Amino acid sequence: MRVADVMLPAPKEVRLAGALVMVPGILGVGFAFTLLFSALLGSPTTEGGNSVYGEAAYYVVLGGGTLACGVALLLGQLWARAPAVVVAVVQGGAAWYMLASSRPELGVPVMAAAIAILVLLFREPSRAWALGLEAQDVGDDDGGDARRGGQRGGR
């Protein structure tokens, strides 16, 4: 039996969240290479030691990890859901800081993307996929009665 026969395909919400998670990863890796090339070409803004190389390596690791989570979500890998939630929460915090720093042109789109990632990853089809259930099975458990006080129907 193949793994693909057992695994449920990722719903479109998960794949869209993966695409949104990839954006900061691509930007982080791109920024790292920009730092690296400017240091190698001797830009006056990068003079002052080898700290630029360390900074570039830091952004490669962070951006690469974020990019890997986004790609994994696109491919339907379950392990990437939790790190993607962490990325979205951190992204929301950064957006909040941008908004508080009077930079709404940066903060609003970053916050919108963070909220979109969280909403997409916690919608019913995404939760069902993460639990290994069909989407219609998520709301059909006995827990629904407990949330309504154990009573069926109206009062």
N, C-alpha and C. Protein backbone atom coordinates (compact mmCIF):
# COMPACT_ATOMS: atom_id res chain seq x y z
N MET A 1 0.85 -1.18 0.00
CA MET A 1 0.00 0.00 0.00
C MET A 1 0.90 1.25 0.00
N ARG A 2 0.56 2.17 -0.86
CA ARG A 2 1.34 3.40 -0.96
C ARG A 2 0.83 4.43 0.04
N VAL A 3 1.72 5.37 0.42
CA VAL A 3 1.34 6.44 1.34
C VAL A 3 0.28 7.33 0.70
N ALA A 4 0.36 7.54 -0.59
CA ALA A 4 -0.62 8.39 -1.28
C ALA A 4 -2.02 7.79 -1.23
N ASP A 5 -2.12 6.46 -1.09
CA ASP A 5 -3.43 5.83 -1.00
C ASP A 5 -4.06 6.06 0.38
N VAL A 6 -3.24 6.26 1.39
CA VAL A 6 -3.73 6.42 2.75
C VAL A 6 -4.00 7.89 3.07
N MET A 7 -3.17 8.78 2.58
CA MET A 7 -3.29 10.20 2.90
C MET A 7 -4.41 10.86 2.10
N LEU A 8 -5.10 11.76 2.75
CA LEU A 8 -6.10 12.56 2.06
C LEU A 8 -5.40 13.72 1.37
N PRO A 9 -5.83 14.08 0.18
CA PRO A 9 -5.20 15.23 -0.48
C PRO A 9 -5.52 16.51 0.28
N ALA A 10 -4.59 17.44 0.25
CA ALA A 10 -4.78 18.70 0.96
C ALA A 10 -5.88 19.51 0.30
N PRO A 11 -6.77 20.10 1.09
CA PRO A 11 -7.82 20.93 0.50
C PRO A 11 -7.23 22.23 -0.05
N LYS A 12 -8.01 22.92 -0.84
CA LYS A 12 -7.53 24.15 -1.47
C LYS A 12 -7.17 25.20 -0.44
N GLU A 13 -7.81 25.20 0.72
CA GLU A 13 -7.48 26.17 1.77
C GLU A 13 -6.05 25.98 2.25
N VAL A 14 -5.63 24.74 2.40
CA VAL A 14 -4.27 24.45 2.86
C VAL A 14 -3.26 24.85 1.79
N ARG A 15 -3.57 24.56 0.55
CA ARG A 15 -2.65 24.91 -0.54
C ARG A 15 -2.53 26.43 -0.69
N LEU A 16 -3.64 27.15 -0.54
CA LEU A 16 -3.60 28.60 -0.60
C LEU A 16 -2.81 29.18 0.57
N ALA A 17 -3.00 28.62 1.76
CA ALA A 17 -2.21 29.05 2.91
C ALA A 17 -0.72 28.78 2.67
N GLY A 18 -0.42 27.66 2.04
CA GLY A 18 0.98 27.37 1.70
C GLY A 18 1.57 28.41 0.77
N ALA A 19 0.80 28.84 -0.20
CA ALA A 19 1.29 29.88 -1.11
C ALA A 19 1.52 31.19 -0.36
N LEU A 20 0.63 31.52 0.58
CA LEU A 20 0.82 32.74 1.36
C LEU A 20 2.01 32.64 2.30
N VAL A 21 2.27 31.46 2.84
CA VAL A 21 3.42 31.26 3.73
C VAL A 21 4.72 31.35 2.95
N MET A 22 4.68 30.98 1.68
CA MET A 22 5.90 31.03 0.86
C MET A 22 6.38 32.47 0.62
N VAL A 23 5.48 33.44 0.62
CA VAL A 23 5.86 34.81 0.28
C VAL A 23 6.92 35.37 1.23
N PRO A 24 6.73 35.33 2.57
CA PRO A 24 7.81 35.85 3.43
C PRO A 24 9.08 35.00 3.34
N GLY A 25 8.95 33.72 3.04
CA GLY A 25 10.14 32.89 2.86
C GLY A 25 10.95 33.32 1.65
N ILE A 26 10.26 33.58 0.55
CA ILE A 26 10.95 34.04 -0.66
C ILE A 26 11.60 35.40 -0.41
N LEU A 27 10.86 36.28 0.28
CA LEU A 27 11.43 37.60 0.58
C LEU A 27 12.63 37.51 1.51
N GLY A 28 12.58 36.61 2.48
CA GLY A 28 13.71 36.45 3.40
C GLY A 28 14.95 35.92 2.70
N VAL A 29 14.78 34.91 1.86
CA VAL A 29 15.93 34.37 1.11
C VAL A 29 16.45 35.40 0.12
N GLY A 30 15.54 36.13 -0.52
CA GLY A 30 15.97 37.19 -1.44
C GLY A 30 16.74 38.27 -0.74
N PHE A 31 16.29 38.66 0.45
CA PHE A 31 17.01 39.67 1.22
C PHE A 31 18.39 39.18 1.63
N ALA A 32 18.49 37.90 1.98
CA ALA A 32 19.79 37.33 2.36
C ALA A 32 20.76 37.38 1.19
N PHE A 33 20.29 37.04 0.00
CA PHE A 33 21.19 37.09 -1.16
C PHE A 33 21.54 38.52 -1.53
N THR A 34 20.62 39.45 -1.33
CA THR A 34 20.93 40.86 -1.57
C THR A 34 22.02 41.32 -0.62
N LEU A 35 21.92 40.95 0.66
CA LEU A 35 22.97 41.30 1.62
C LEU A 35 24.31 40.68 1.23
N LEU A 36 24.26 39.42 0.85
CA LEU A 36 25.49 38.71 0.50
C LEU A 36 26.17 39.33 -0.71
N PHE A 37 25.38 39.59 -1.75
CA PHE A 37 25.99 40.17 -2.96
C PHE A 37 26.49 41.59 -2.73
N SER A 38 25.79 42.37 -1.93
CA SER A 38 26.26 43.72 -1.66
C SER A 38 27.55 43.69 -0.84
N ALA A 39 27.68 42.71 0.06
CA ALA A 39 28.91 42.58 0.83
C ALA A 39 30.07 42.11 -0.05
N LEU A 40 29.79 41.17 -0.97
CA LEU A 40 30.84 40.66 -1.85
C LEU A 40 31.30 41.71 -2.85
N LEU A 41 30.39 42.59 -3.26
CA LEU A 41 30.74 43.64 -4.21
C LEU A 41 31.34 44.87 -3.53
N GLY A 42 31.40 44.86 -2.20
CA GLY A 42 32.04 45.96 -1.48
C GLY A 42 31.19 47.20 -1.35
N SER A 43 29.93 47.05 -1.15
CA SER A 43 29.05 48.19 -0.96
C SER A 43 29.43 48.94 0.31
N PRO A 44 29.43 50.28 0.29
CA PRO A 44 29.80 51.04 1.48
C PRO A 44 28.87 50.79 2.67
N THR A 45 27.65 50.37 2.42
CA THR A 45 26.72 50.13 3.54
C THR A 45 26.99 48.82 4.24
N THR A 46 27.79 47.93 3.64
CA THR A 46 28.06 46.63 4.26
C THR A 46 29.47 46.54 4.82
N GLU A 47 30.23 47.62 4.83
CA GLU A 47 31.57 47.58 5.40
C GLU A 47 31.49 47.54 6.91
N GLY A 48 32.50 46.99 7.51
CA GLY A 48 32.54 46.97 8.96
C GLY A 48 32.60 45.58 9.55
N GLY A 49 33.07 44.62 8.81
CA GLY A 49 33.26 43.31 9.39
C GLY A 49 32.47 42.22 8.72
N ASN A 50 32.55 41.06 9.34
CA ASN A 50 31.91 39.87 8.79
C ASN A 50 30.50 39.67 9.30
N SER A 51 29.97 40.64 10.03
CA SER A 51 28.62 40.46 10.58
C SER A 51 27.57 40.39 9.47
N VAL A 52 27.87 40.95 8.31
CA VAL A 52 26.93 40.90 7.19
C VAL A 52 26.75 39.46 6.72
N TYR A 53 27.82 38.69 6.73
CA TYR A 53 27.72 37.30 6.32
C TYR A 53 26.89 36.49 7.31
N GLY A 54 27.04 36.77 8.57
CA GLY A 54 26.23 36.11 9.59
C GLY A 54 24.77 36.50 9.47
N GLU A 55 24.52 37.77 9.19
CA GLU A 55 23.16 38.23 9.00
C GLU A 55 22.52 37.57 7.78
N ALA A 56 23.29 37.45 6.72
CA ALA A 56 22.77 36.79 5.51
C ALA A 56 22.46 35.32 5.79
N ALA A 57 23.34 34.65 6.54
CA ALA A 57 23.09 33.25 6.89
C ALA A 57 21.83 33.12 7.76
N TYR A 58 21.63 34.07 8.67
CA TYR A 58 20.44 34.07 9.53
C TYR A 58 19.17 34.16 8.68
N TYR A 59 19.16 35.06 7.72
CA TYR A 59 17.98 35.21 6.87
C TYR A 59 17.78 34.03 5.93
N VAL A 60 18.86 33.39 5.52
CA VAL A 60 18.73 32.18 4.70
C VAL A 60 18.05 31.07 5.50
N VAL A 61 18.46 30.91 6.77
CA VAL A 61 17.87 29.87 7.61
C VAL A 61 16.40 30.17 7.87
N LEU A 62 16.09 31.40 8.30
CA LEU A 62 14.70 31.74 8.58
C LEU A 62 13.83 31.72 7.32
N GLY A 63 14.31 32.35 6.28
CA GLY A 63 13.55 32.38 5.03
C GLY A 63 13.43 31.01 4.41
N GLY A 64 14.49 30.23 4.48
CA GLY A 64 14.46 28.88 3.93
C GLY A 64 13.50 27.98 4.68
N GLY A 65 13.47 28.09 6.00
CA GLY A 65 12.52 27.31 6.79
C GLY A 65 11.08 27.69 6.50
N THR A 66 10.84 28.99 6.38
CA THR A 66 9.50 29.46 6.07
C THR A 66 9.09 29.01 4.67
N LEU A 67 10.02 29.11 3.74
CA LEU A 67 9.76 28.66 2.38
C LEU A 67 9.48 27.16 2.34
N ALA A 68 10.24 26.39 3.11
CA ALA A 68 10.02 24.94 3.17
C ALA A 68 8.64 24.61 3.72
N CYS A 69 8.18 25.36 4.73
CA CYS A 69 6.82 25.14 5.27
C CYS A 69 5.76 25.42 4.22
N GLY A 70 5.94 26.51 3.47
CA GLY A 70 4.97 26.85 2.43
C GLY A 70 4.92 25.80 1.34
N VAL A 71 6.08 25.35 0.90
CA VAL A 71 6.13 24.32 -0.15
C VAL A 71 5.51 23.02 0.37
N ALA A 72 5.81 22.67 1.62
CA ALA A 72 5.26 21.45 2.19
C ALA A 72 3.73 21.51 2.28
N LEU A 73 3.19 22.68 2.63
CA LEU A 73 1.73 22.82 2.64
C LEU A 73 1.16 22.67 1.23
N LEU A 74 1.84 23.23 0.26
CA LEU A 74 1.39 23.07 -1.13
C LEU A 74 1.36 21.60 -1.54
N LEU A 75 2.32 20.83 -1.02
CA LEU A 75 2.41 19.41 -1.35
C LEU A 75 1.56 18.54 -0.44
N GLY A 76 0.89 19.14 0.55
CA GLY A 76 0.00 18.38 1.42
C GLY A 76 0.67 17.66 2.57
N GLN A 77 1.78 18.18 3.05
CA GLN A 77 2.48 17.56 4.18
C GLN A 77 1.91 18.08 5.50
N LEU A 78 1.48 17.17 6.36
CA LEU A 78 0.85 17.56 7.62
C LEU A 78 1.79 18.28 8.57
N TRP A 79 3.06 17.94 8.56
CA TRP A 79 3.99 18.51 9.53
C TRP A 79 4.11 20.02 9.38
N ALA A 80 3.78 20.57 8.23
CA ALA A 80 4.00 21.99 7.97
C ALA A 80 2.91 22.88 8.52
N ARG A 81 1.81 22.31 8.99
CA ARG A 81 0.69 23.13 9.45
C ARG A 81 1.05 23.91 10.72
N ALA A 82 1.63 23.27 11.71
CA ALA A 82 1.97 23.95 12.97
C ALA A 82 3.02 25.03 12.77
N PRO A 83 4.12 24.76 12.04
CA PRO A 83 5.06 25.86 11.81
C PRO A 83 4.45 27.01 11.01
N ALA A 84 3.53 26.71 10.12
CA ALA A 84 2.88 27.78 9.35
C ALA A 84 2.02 28.65 10.26
N VAL A 85 1.39 28.05 11.26
CA VAL A 85 0.63 28.84 12.23
C VAL A 85 1.58 29.75 13.01
N VAL A 86 2.73 29.24 13.40
CA VAL A 86 3.71 30.06 14.11
C VAL A 86 4.19 31.21 13.22
N VAL A 87 4.44 30.93 11.97
CA VAL A 87 4.85 31.98 11.03
C VAL A 87 3.79 33.06 10.95
N ALA A 88 2.53 32.66 10.88
CA ALA A 88 1.44 33.64 10.77
C ALA A 88 1.33 34.48 12.04
N VAL A 89 1.51 33.87 13.21
CA VAL A 89 1.43 34.62 14.46
C VAL A 89 2.58 35.62 14.57
N VAL A 90 3.77 35.20 14.21
CA VAL A 90 4.92 36.11 14.23
C VAL A 90 4.73 37.22 13.21
N GLN A 91 4.21 36.87 12.05
CA GLN A 91 3.94 37.85 11.01
C GLN A 91 2.90 38.86 11.49
N GLY A 92 1.89 38.41 12.21
CA GLY A 92 0.89 39.32 12.77
C GLY A 92 1.50 40.27 13.78
N GLY A 93 2.42 39.77 14.60
CA GLY A 93 3.13 40.64 15.55
C GLY A 93 3.98 41.69 14.85
N ALA A 94 4.65 41.29 13.80
CA ALA A 94 5.45 42.26 13.03
C ALA A 94 4.55 43.30 12.39
N ALA A 95 3.39 42.87 11.90
CA ALA A 95 2.45 43.81 11.29
C ALA A 95 1.91 44.78 12.33
N TRP A 96 1.64 44.29 13.53
CA TRP A 96 1.17 45.16 14.60
C TRP A 96 2.21 46.23 14.92
N TYR A 97 3.47 45.82 14.94
CA TYR A 97 4.55 46.77 15.19
C TYR A 97 4.61 47.81 14.07
N MET A 98 4.44 47.38 12.83
CA MET A 98 4.44 48.32 11.70
C MET A 98 3.29 49.30 11.80
N LEU A 99 2.13 48.81 12.19
CA LEU A 99 0.97 49.68 12.33
C LEU A 99 1.18 50.68 13.46
N ALA A 100 1.78 50.24 14.56
CA ALA A 100 2.04 51.14 15.69
C ALA A 100 3.14 52.14 15.37
N SER A 101 3.97 51.83 14.39
CA SER A 101 5.06 52.73 13.99
C SER A 101 4.65 53.66 12.86
N SER A 102 3.36 53.81 12.66
CA SER A 102 2.82 54.69 11.61
C SER A 102 3.26 54.27 10.22
N ARG A 103 3.27 52.98 9.97
CA ARG A 103 3.59 52.45 8.65
C ARG A 103 2.46 51.56 8.15
N PRO A 104 1.25 52.14 7.98
CA PRO A 104 0.12 51.30 7.56
C PRO A 104 0.28 50.72 6.17
N GLU A 105 1.06 51.36 5.31
CA GLU A 105 1.24 50.82 3.96
C GLU A 105 1.99 49.49 3.99
N LEU A 106 2.73 49.22 5.06
CA LEU A 106 3.39 47.93 5.23
C LEU A 106 2.59 47.02 6.16
N GLY A 107 2.07 47.59 7.23
CA GLY A 107 1.40 46.79 8.25
C GLY A 107 0.10 46.17 7.81
N VAL A 108 -0.70 46.90 7.05
CA VAL A 108 -2.02 46.39 6.66
C VAL A 108 -1.91 45.15 5.77
N PRO A 109 -1.11 45.16 4.70
CA PRO A 109 -1.03 43.93 3.89
C PRO A 109 -0.39 42.75 4.63
N VAL A 110 0.58 43.04 5.48
CA VAL A 110 1.21 41.95 6.24
C VAL A 110 0.22 41.36 7.23
N MET A 111 -0.55 42.22 7.90
CA MET A 111 -1.57 41.73 8.84
C MET A 111 -2.67 40.97 8.10
N ALA A 112 -3.07 41.46 6.94
CA ALA A 112 -4.10 40.76 6.16
C ALA A 112 -3.62 39.37 5.76
N ALA A 113 -2.36 39.25 5.36
CA ALA A 113 -1.83 37.94 4.99
C ALA A 113 -1.76 37.01 6.20
N ALA A 114 -1.36 37.54 7.35
CA ALA A 114 -1.28 36.72 8.56
C ALA A 114 -2.66 36.21 8.97
N ILE A 115 -3.65 37.09 8.92
CA ILE A 115 -5.01 36.68 9.27
C ILE A 115 -5.54 35.67 8.26
N ALA A 116 -5.25 35.90 6.99
CA ALA A 116 -5.71 34.96 5.96
C ALA A 116 -5.10 33.57 6.16
N ILE A 117 -3.82 33.50 6.50
CA ILE A 117 -3.18 32.21 6.74
C ILE A 117 -3.85 31.49 7.90
N LEU A 118 -4.09 32.21 8.99
CA LEU A 118 -4.72 31.58 10.16
C LEU A 118 -6.14 31.11 9.85
N VAL A 119 -6.90 31.95 9.16
CA VAL A 119 -8.27 31.57 8.81
C VAL A 119 -8.27 30.35 7.90
N LEU A 120 -7.40 30.35 6.91
CA LEU A 120 -7.35 29.22 5.97
C LEU A 120 -6.95 27.92 6.66
N LEU A 121 -6.01 28.01 7.59
CA LEU A 121 -5.53 26.79 8.25
C LEU A 121 -6.49 26.27 9.32
N PHE A 122 -7.45 27.10 9.75
CA PHE A 122 -8.38 26.65 10.77
C PHE A 122 -9.82 26.51 10.26
N ARG A 123 -10.01 26.60 8.95
CA ARG A 123 -11.33 26.33 8.39
C ARG A 123 -11.62 24.84 8.49
N GLU A 124 -12.89 24.47 8.37
CA GLU A 124 -13.30 23.08 8.57
C GLU A 124 -12.59 22.09 7.65
N PRO A 125 -12.45 22.36 6.34
CA PRO A 125 -11.74 21.38 5.51
C PRO A 125 -10.27 21.20 5.91
N SER A 126 -9.64 22.28 6.36
CA SER A 126 -8.25 22.18 6.79
C SER A 126 -8.11 21.37 8.07
N ARG A 127 -9.02 21.60 9.00
CA ARG A 127 -8.99 20.82 10.25
C ARG A 127 -9.28 19.36 9.99
N ALA A 128 -10.23 19.08 9.10
CA ALA A 128 -10.55 17.70 8.78
C ALA A 128 -9.35 17.01 8.14
N TRP A 129 -8.67 17.72 7.26
CA TRP A 129 -7.47 17.16 6.62
C TRP A 129 -6.39 16.87 7.67
N ALA A 130 -6.21 17.80 8.61
CA ALA A 130 -5.19 17.61 9.64
C ALA A 130 -5.53 16.44 10.56
N LEU A 131 -6.82 16.20 10.77
CA LEU A 131 -7.25 15.08 11.62
C LEU A 131 -7.38 13.77 10.87
N GLY A 132 -7.25 13.83 9.55
CA GLY A 132 -7.38 12.63 8.74
C GLY A 132 -8.81 12.22 8.50
N LEU A 133 -9.73 13.16 8.56
CA LEU A 133 -11.15 12.89 8.37
C LEU A 133 -11.63 13.51 7.07
N GLU A 134 -12.80 13.13 6.67
CA GLU A 134 -13.46 13.82 5.57
C GLU A 134 -14.03 15.11 6.14
N ALA A 135 -14.20 16.14 5.32
CA ALA A 135 -14.66 17.45 5.80
C ALA A 135 -16.02 17.36 6.47
N GLN A 136 -16.93 16.53 5.99
CA GLN A 136 -18.26 16.47 6.59
C GLN A 136 -18.25 15.73 7.92
N ASP A 137 -17.17 14.96 8.23
CA ASP A 137 -17.10 14.22 9.49
C ASP A 137 -16.75 15.11 10.67
N VAL A 138 -16.20 16.29 10.44
CA VAL A 138 -15.73 17.13 11.54
C VAL A 138 -16.88 17.60 12.40
N GLY A 139 -17.97 18.05 11.81
CA GLY A 139 -19.09 18.57 12.58
C GLY A 139 -20.08 17.51 13.03
N ASP A 140 -19.88 16.23 12.68
CA ASP A 140 -20.86 15.18 12.98
C ASP A 140 -20.48 14.34 14.18
N ASP A 141 -19.67 14.86 15.09
CA ASP A 141 -19.31 14.06 16.24
C ASP A 141 -20.27 14.34 17.40
N ASP A 142 -20.14 13.59 18.49
CA ASP A 142 -21.01 13.78 19.64
C ASP A 142 -20.64 15.02 20.44
N GLY A 143 -19.51 15.63 20.15
CA GLY A 143 -19.11 16.84 20.85
C GLY A 143 -20.05 17.99 20.60
N GLY A 144 -20.78 17.96 19.51
CA GLY A 144 -21.72 19.02 19.21
C GLY A 144 -22.83 19.10 20.25
N ASP A 145 -23.28 17.93 20.73
CA ASP A 145 -24.29 17.93 21.77
C ASP A 145 -23.75 18.51 23.07
N ALA A 146 -22.49 18.22 23.37
CA ALA A 146 -21.90 18.75 24.59
C ALA A 146 -21.78 20.27 24.53
N ARG A 147 -21.50 20.79 23.35
CA ARG A 147 -21.39 22.25 23.22
C ARG A 147 -22.76 22.91 23.36
N ARG A 148 -23.82 22.19 23.06
CA ARG A 148 -25.17 22.75 23.19
C ARG A 148 -25.79 22.41 24.53
N GLY A 149 -25.01 21.98 25.48
CA GLY A 149 -25.54 21.66 26.79
C GLY A 149 -26.15 20.27 26.87
N GLY A 150 -25.83 19.41 25.92
CA GLY A 150 -26.29 18.03 25.94
C GLY A 150 -27.72 17.85 25.48
N GLN A 151 -28.35 18.90 25.00
CA GLN A 151 -29.74 18.80 24.55
C GLN A 151 -29.80 18.76 23.04
N ARG A 152 -30.67 17.95 22.53
CA ARG A 152 -30.89 17.89 21.09
C ARG A 152 -32.09 18.75 20.73
N GLY A 153 -32.00 19.37 19.59
CA GLY A 153 -33.14 20.15 19.11
C GLY A 153 -33.29 21.47 19.86
N GLY A 154 -34.44 22.10 19.67
CA GLY A 154 -34.68 23.39 20.31
C GLY A 154 -35.17 23.24 21.73
N ARG A 155 -35.28 24.33 22.43
CA ARG A 155 -35.71 24.31 23.83
C ARG A 155 -37.18 24.50 23.94
